[in-house]
Amino acid sequence: METMGKFQRSWLLFTSSISVIAANKQLLVFPIAIAALMIVIVLFFLAPVALIPTGHSVTQVEHWQAVGNTLFIETEGRGDGRPGITLTTGGMAFLAGLYLVSMFFATFFNVAFYNEILAALEGDSVSIGRGLKFASTKLKSILMWSLLAGLVGLAIKTIEQRMGLIGRLITRFIGATWSIASVFAVPIIVREEQVTNPLTTLRRSADILKRTWGEALIGYLGLSFASTVILIGSLGLLLFALFVSIALNAFWIVAVVAVFWLLCVLLFGYLSSVAGQVYRGALYLYAADGRVAQPYSSEMLDSAWKFKKN
């Protein structure tokens, strides 16, 4: 496996993940259902603010100006003569609450999704209803992890905004460290009954990584390389269509091809995202239990990470 190029290795992982999806097609429906439910939930929590009585119809500009005034206030500019905008106390509380609620439901649906991914990798059928029912039994763990992840996200955003370039460098390091250490947090919530403390979940995820792949990890390889190469290669289709359109003086050709290309890119991106989640589930089974889910191999899973150079 070490002699294989990055593209060949990434493509092999991608096709292995796709074969799992092909055998369990509901895995493709799951994220769509999750997205639809998330939209409904967010709209539900936005409605009380958007529909507060202002004395105006919701179709009038004055109504939305009044709503905006409850969330934002103008402040003095920073010397450029232009006024600034900042959140009111109520606005900060509302947006923080909405953020944490979104984190909770995102984690809830991810727990449901990973429950079914792990079931598929172990040869069982996939059920959206079963996944959601299972997630409802993990509410305490989901809530605790959502609070930790939400606070980390807010801290990273605050540091980035207040410290400029230095903040961006710091948050990039913190974000990378957090992403690596928490990579198995959701599968741990799914599988390990005794783990409810979010710090224990984080430590357990990091320990699984260190035990299986060592302490020299600096990044996650995943399936992105093959996807990037394919995306760049697909641009050749657009260039060919442009050449034909110019040659035939028929620019509708490039327009049609561009729309087709965009749709294909969106569908491929969605498929790659689901495949990446399946692959991460296979990594968890391998790291936590030593099981190699079919059609993966231990060589594939061993090559999941980037390491520090000696």
Protein backbone atom coordinates (compact mmCIF):
# COMPACT_ATOMS: atom_id res chain seq x y z
CA MET A 1 0.00 0.00 0.00
CA GLU A 2 2.92 2.37 0.68
CA THR A 3 3.97 2.23 -2.97
CA MET A 4 0.55 3.34 -4.20
CA GLY A 5 0.12 6.95 -5.20
CA LYS A 6 -2.14 9.25 -3.21
CA PHE A 7 -4.79 9.20 -5.88
CA GLN A 8 -4.87 5.42 -6.19
CA ARG A 9 -5.09 5.00 -2.43
CA SER A 10 -7.77 7.64 -2.03
CA TRP A 11 -9.75 6.27 -4.98
CA LEU A 12 -9.62 2.75 -3.55
CA LEU A 13 -10.98 4.04 -0.23
CA PHE A 14 -13.68 5.97 -2.08
CA THR A 15 -14.85 2.99 -4.12
CA SER A 16 -14.85 0.78 -1.01
CA SER A 17 -17.06 3.30 0.79
CA ILE A 18 -19.33 3.57 -2.25
CA SER A 19 -19.82 -0.19 -2.28
CA VAL A 20 -21.11 0.01 1.31
CA ILE A 21 -23.51 2.79 0.28
CA ALA A 22 -24.65 0.81 -2.77
CA ALA A 23 -25.61 -2.08 -0.51
CA ASN A 24 -27.38 0.27 1.93
CA LYS A 25 -28.95 3.00 -0.18
CA GLN A 26 -30.84 4.53 2.75
CA LEU A 27 -27.50 5.95 3.86
CA LEU A 28 -27.89 8.43 0.99
CA VAL A 29 -31.37 9.41 2.15
CA PHE A 30 -30.32 9.93 5.77
CA PRO A 31 -28.43 13.24 5.30
CA ILE A 32 -31.27 14.65 3.19
CA ALA A 33 -33.80 13.76 5.89
CA ILE A 34 -31.48 15.25 8.52
CA ALA A 35 -31.09 18.48 6.54
CA ALA A 36 -34.86 18.81 6.12
CA LEU A 37 -35.45 18.26 9.83
CA MET A 38 -32.70 20.75 10.73
CA ILE A 39 -34.30 23.40 8.54
CA VAL A 40 -37.67 22.84 10.23
CA ILE A 41 -36.07 23.02 13.69
CA VAL A 42 -34.13 26.21 12.94
CA LEU A 43 -37.23 27.86 11.47
CA PHE A 44 -39.17 26.83 14.57
CA PHE A 45 -36.69 28.65 16.81
CA LEU A 46 -36.42 31.64 14.48
CA ALA A 47 -40.18 32.09 14.26
CA PRO A 48 -40.68 33.67 17.73
CA VAL A 49 -38.23 36.45 16.85
CA ALA A 50 -39.29 36.89 13.24
CA LEU A 51 -42.97 37.09 14.22
CA ILE A 52 -42.75 39.36 17.26
CA PRO A 53 -45.49 42.03 17.26
CA THR A 54 -44.15 45.24 15.75
CA GLY A 55 -47.35 46.90 14.61
CA HIS A 56 -46.49 46.11 11.00
CA SER A 57 -47.20 43.24 8.64
CA VAL A 58 -44.43 40.69 8.09
CA THR A 59 -44.50 41.69 4.43
CA GLN A 60 -43.50 45.26 5.29
CA VAL A 61 -39.93 46.52 5.49
CA GLU A 62 -40.72 48.33 8.76
CA HIS A 63 -41.45 45.01 10.47
CA TRP A 64 -38.04 43.59 9.65
CA GLN A 65 -36.34 46.84 10.61
CA ALA A 66 -38.01 46.62 14.01
CA VAL A 67 -36.96 42.98 14.36
CA GLY A 68 -33.41 43.94 13.45
CA ASN A 69 -33.43 46.68 16.09
CA THR A 70 -34.19 44.10 18.78
CA LEU A 71 -31.06 42.16 17.80
CA PHE A 72 -28.60 44.82 16.64
CA ILE A 73 -27.70 48.38 17.55
CA GLU A 74 -25.56 50.95 15.79
CA THR A 75 -22.28 51.95 17.44
CA GLU A 76 -19.74 54.63 16.76
CA GLY A 77 -17.41 53.94 13.86
CA ARG A 78 -13.71 53.20 14.22
CA GLY A 79 -12.48 56.49 12.79
CA ASP A 80 -13.67 55.93 9.23
CA GLY A 81 -16.89 57.85 9.70
CA ARG A 82 -19.08 54.79 9.19
CA PRO A 83 -21.26 53.49 12.03
CA GLY A 84 -20.65 50.01 13.35
CA ILE A 85 -23.20 47.37 14.24
CA THR A 86 -23.17 45.23 17.35
CA LEU A 87 -25.50 42.74 18.96
CA THR A 88 -27.83 43.75 21.75
CA THR A 89 -27.78 41.72 24.97
CA GLY A 90 -30.97 40.02 23.85
CA GLY A 91 -29.50 39.43 20.40
CA MET A 92 -26.40 37.81 21.83
CA ALA A 93 -28.48 35.58 24.08
CA PHE A 94 -30.76 34.60 21.21
CA LEU A 95 -27.96 33.81 18.75
CA ALA A 96 -25.97 31.91 21.40
CA GLY A 97 -29.06 29.90 22.25
CA LEU A 98 -29.80 29.23 18.59
CA TYR A 99 -26.19 28.17 18.05
CA LEU A 100 -26.27 25.70 20.95
CA VAL A 101 -29.67 24.36 19.89
CA SER A 102 -28.29 23.84 16.37
CA MET A 103 -25.24 22.06 17.82
CA PHE A 104 -27.50 19.79 19.88
CA PHE A 105 -29.66 18.74 16.96
CA ALA A 106 -26.68 18.38 14.63
CA THR A 107 -25.09 16.02 17.15
CA PHE A 108 -28.40 14.22 17.67
CA PHE A 109 -28.79 13.51 13.97
CA ASN A 110 -25.13 12.55 13.61
CA VAL A 111 -25.54 10.01 16.40
CA ALA A 112 -28.56 8.60 14.56
CA PHE A 113 -26.61 8.54 11.28
CA TYR A 114 -23.53 6.84 12.74
CA ASN A 115 -25.65 4.24 14.48
CA GLU A 116 -26.87 3.17 11.06
CA ILE A 117 -23.44 3.49 9.41
CA LEU A 118 -21.93 1.14 11.99
CA ALA A 119 -24.88 -1.22 11.53
CA ALA A 120 -24.29 -1.25 7.76
CA LEU A 121 -20.57 -1.91 8.23
CA GLU A 122 -21.45 -4.89 10.40
CA GLY A 123 -23.80 -6.33 7.79
CA ASP A 124 -27.13 -5.18 9.23
CA SER A 125 -29.88 -3.30 7.43
CA VAL A 126 -30.24 0.48 7.67
CA SER A 127 -33.30 2.24 9.08
CA ILE A 128 -33.79 5.99 9.48
CA GLY A 129 -36.48 5.48 12.12
CA ARG A 130 -34.29 3.13 14.13
CA GLY A 131 -31.42 5.59 14.03
CA LEU A 132 -33.57 8.46 15.31
CA LYS A 133 -35.08 6.24 18.01
CA PHE A 134 -31.60 5.19 19.11
CA ALA A 135 -30.39 8.80 19.28
CA SER A 136 -33.32 9.63 21.59
CA THR A 137 -31.82 7.21 24.14
CA LYS A 138 -28.56 9.20 24.19
CA LEU A 139 -29.93 12.64 25.00
CA LYS A 140 -27.70 13.26 28.02
CA SER A 141 -24.49 12.36 26.18
CA ILE A 142 -25.59 14.37 23.14
CA LEU A 143 -26.42 17.43 25.25
CA MET A 144 -23.14 17.34 27.14
CA TRP A 145 -21.06 16.91 23.99
CA SER A 146 -23.00 19.65 22.19
CA LEU A 147 -22.26 22.08 25.02
CA LEU A 148 -18.54 21.30 24.92
CA ALA A 149 -18.33 21.45 21.11
CA GLY A 150 -20.37 24.66 21.07
CA LEU A 151 -18.16 26.35 23.67
CA VAL A 152 -15.02 25.31 21.78
CA GLY A 153 -16.49 26.70 18.57
CA LEU A 154 -17.41 30.00 20.24
CA ALA A 155 -13.96 30.28 21.80
CA ILE A 156 -12.25 29.70 18.46
CA LYS A 157 -14.45 32.29 16.76
CA THR A 158 -13.83 34.85 19.53
CA ILE A 159 -10.05 34.39 19.40
CA GLU A 160 -10.05 34.71 15.62
CA GLN A 161 -12.06 37.95 15.66
CA ARG A 162 -10.15 39.67 18.45
CA MET A 163 -6.56 38.78 17.59
CA GLY A 164 -6.38 39.26 13.82
CA LEU A 165 -3.61 37.37 12.03
CA ILE A 166 -2.23 35.89 15.25
CA GLY A 167 -5.73 34.80 16.18
CA ARG A 168 -6.18 33.08 12.83
CA LEU A 169 -2.92 31.16 13.31
CA ILE A 170 -3.89 30.17 16.84
CA THR A 171 -7.39 29.12 15.84
CA ARG A 172 -6.05 27.13 12.90
CA PHE A 173 -3.87 25.13 15.28
CA ILE A 174 -6.65 24.73 17.85
CA GLY A 175 -9.13 23.75 15.16
CA ALA A 176 -6.81 21.12 13.68
CA THR A 177 -6.07 19.68 17.12
CA TRP A 178 -9.74 19.63 18.04
CA SER A 179 -10.74 17.98 14.74
CA ILE A 180 -8.20 15.20 15.17
CA ALA A 181 -8.84 14.58 18.87
CA SER A 182 -12.65 14.53 18.47
CA VAL A 183 -12.82 12.51 15.25
CA PHE A 184 -14.38 9.48 16.99
CA ALA A 185 -16.54 11.40 19.48
CA VAL A 186 -19.88 10.61 17.82
CA PRO A 187 -19.15 6.87 17.30
CA ILE A 188 -18.09 6.71 20.96
CA ILE A 189 -21.41 8.24 22.00
CA VAL A 190 -23.12 5.61 19.86
CA ARG A 191 -21.24 2.57 21.12
CA GLU A 192 -19.95 3.20 24.63
CA GLU A 193 -22.75 3.21 27.20
CA GLN A 194 -20.61 4.23 30.17
CA VAL A 195 -19.21 7.39 28.54
CA THR A 196 -21.40 10.48 29.10
CA ASN A 197 -18.90 13.10 30.27
CA PRO A 198 -17.83 15.07 27.14
CA LEU A 199 -14.25 15.40 28.38
CA THR A 200 -14.13 11.64 28.81
CA THR A 201 -15.52 11.27 25.29
CA LEU A 202 -12.80 13.57 23.95
CA ARG A 203 -10.06 11.77 25.88
CA ARG A 204 -11.38 8.38 24.78
CA SER A 205 -11.33 9.50 21.12
CA ALA A 206 -7.75 10.78 21.44
CA ASP A 207 -6.65 7.61 23.24
CA ILE A 208 -8.08 5.39 20.48
CA LEU A 209 -6.13 7.39 17.90
CA LYS A 210 -2.86 7.21 19.84
CA ARG A 211 -3.21 3.52 20.58
CA THR A 212 -3.90 2.58 16.97
CA TRP A 213 -1.84 5.07 14.94
CA GLY A 214 0.63 6.53 17.43
CA GLU A 215 1.25 10.04 18.74
CA ALA A 216 2.75 11.57 15.60
CA LEU A 217 -0.56 12.38 13.91
CA ILE A 218 -0.80 15.79 12.26
CA GLY A 219 -3.82 15.37 9.98
CA TYR A 220 -6.54 13.22 8.45
CA LEU A 221 -6.12 12.02 4.87
CA GLY A 222 -9.56 10.65 4.10
CA LEU A 223 -10.96 10.65 0.59
CA SER A 224 -10.39 14.29 -0.34
CA PHE A 225 -7.41 13.80 -2.65
CA ALA A 226 -9.26 11.65 -5.18
CA SER A 227 -12.29 13.97 -5.04
CA THR A 228 -10.12 17.03 -5.68
CA VAL A 229 -8.35 15.40 -8.63
CA ILE A 230 -11.67 14.34 -10.16
CA LEU A 231 -13.13 17.83 -9.70
CA ILE A 232 -10.14 19.49 -11.36
CA GLY A 233 -10.20 16.92 -14.15
CA SER A 234 -13.89 17.59 -14.76
CA LEU A 235 -13.05 21.19 -15.63
CA GLY A 236 -11.71 19.80 -18.89
CA LEU A 237 -15.33 19.14 -19.88
CA LEU A 238 -16.14 22.82 -19.49
CA LEU A 239 -13.09 23.88 -21.48
CA PHE A 240 -13.99 21.44 -24.27
CA ALA A 241 -17.57 22.73 -24.31
CA LEU A 242 -16.29 26.31 -24.50
CA PHE A 243 -14.01 25.42 -27.42
CA VAL A 244 -16.88 23.72 -29.29
CA SER A 245 -19.21 26.66 -28.57
CA ILE A 246 -16.72 29.14 -29.98
CA ALA A 247 -16.02 26.96 -33.01
CA LEU A 248 -19.72 26.53 -33.80
CA ASN A 249 -20.75 29.98 -32.60
CA ALA A 250 -23.34 28.28 -30.43
CA PHE A 251 -22.83 29.44 -26.86
CA TRP A 252 -25.91 27.61 -25.63
CA ILE A 253 -23.73 24.48 -25.70
CA VAL A 254 -21.39 25.74 -22.98
CA ALA A 255 -24.39 26.95 -20.94
CA VAL A 256 -26.04 23.52 -21.04
CA VAL A 257 -22.78 21.75 -20.25
CA ALA A 258 -22.07 24.17 -17.39
CA VAL A 259 -25.44 23.43 -15.78
CA PHE A 260 -24.89 19.69 -16.23
CA TRP A 261 -21.38 20.01 -14.79
CA LEU A 262 -22.61 21.95 -11.76
CA LEU A 263 -25.29 19.34 -11.03
CA CYS A 264 -22.73 16.55 -11.32
CA VAL A 265 -20.33 18.39 -9.01
CA LEU A 266 -23.05 18.84 -6.40
CA LEU A 267 -24.10 15.19 -6.60
CA PHE A 268 -20.50 14.00 -6.47
CA GLY A 269 -19.80 16.26 -3.50
CA TYR A 270 -22.80 14.85 -1.67
CA LEU A 271 -21.79 11.29 -2.46
CA SER A 272 -18.22 11.99 -1.33
CA SER A 273 -19.48 13.45 1.94
CA VAL A 274 -21.54 10.35 2.75
CA ALA A 275 -18.66 8.10 1.66
CA GLY A 276 -16.36 10.00 4.02
CA GLN A 277 -18.71 9.38 6.94
CA VAL A 278 -18.86 5.67 6.10
CA TYR A 279 -15.07 5.54 5.94
CA ARG A 280 -14.78 7.22 9.32
CA GLY A 281 -17.14 4.62 10.76
CA ALA A 282 -14.90 1.87 9.39
CA LEU A 283 -11.89 3.58 10.97
CA TYR A 284 -13.65 3.60 14.33
CA LEU A 285 -14.46 -0.12 14.21
CA TYR A 286 -10.85 -0.83 13.28
CA ALA A 287 -9.36 1.42 15.95
CA ALA A 288 -11.73 0.62 18.81
CA ASP A 289 -12.44 -3.08 18.25
CA GLY A 290 -9.76 -4.22 15.82
CA ARG A 291 -12.42 -5.21 13.26
CA VAL A 292 -11.85 -4.63 9.55
CA ALA A 293 -15.21 -3.95 7.91
CA GLN A 294 -15.67 -5.27 4.40
CA PRO A 295 -14.65 -4.32 1.74
CA TYR A 296 -11.83 -2.39 3.45
CA SER A 297 -8.48 -3.87 4.38
CA SER A 298 -6.17 -3.21 7.30
CA GLU A 299 -3.65 -1.66 4.87
CA MET A 300 -6.26 0.90 3.76
CA LEU A 301 -7.19 1.80 7.32
CA ASP A 302 -3.58 1.99 8.49
CA SER A 303 -2.97 4.74 5.91
CA ALA A 304 -5.72 7.02 7.21
CA TRP A 305 -3.48 9.66 8.77
CA LYS A 306 -0.63 12.03 8.03
CA PHE A 307 2.34 11.83 10.38
CA LYS A 308 5.13 14.10 11.53
CA LYS A 309 8.35 13.64 9.62
CA ASN A 310 11.30 12.36 11.63
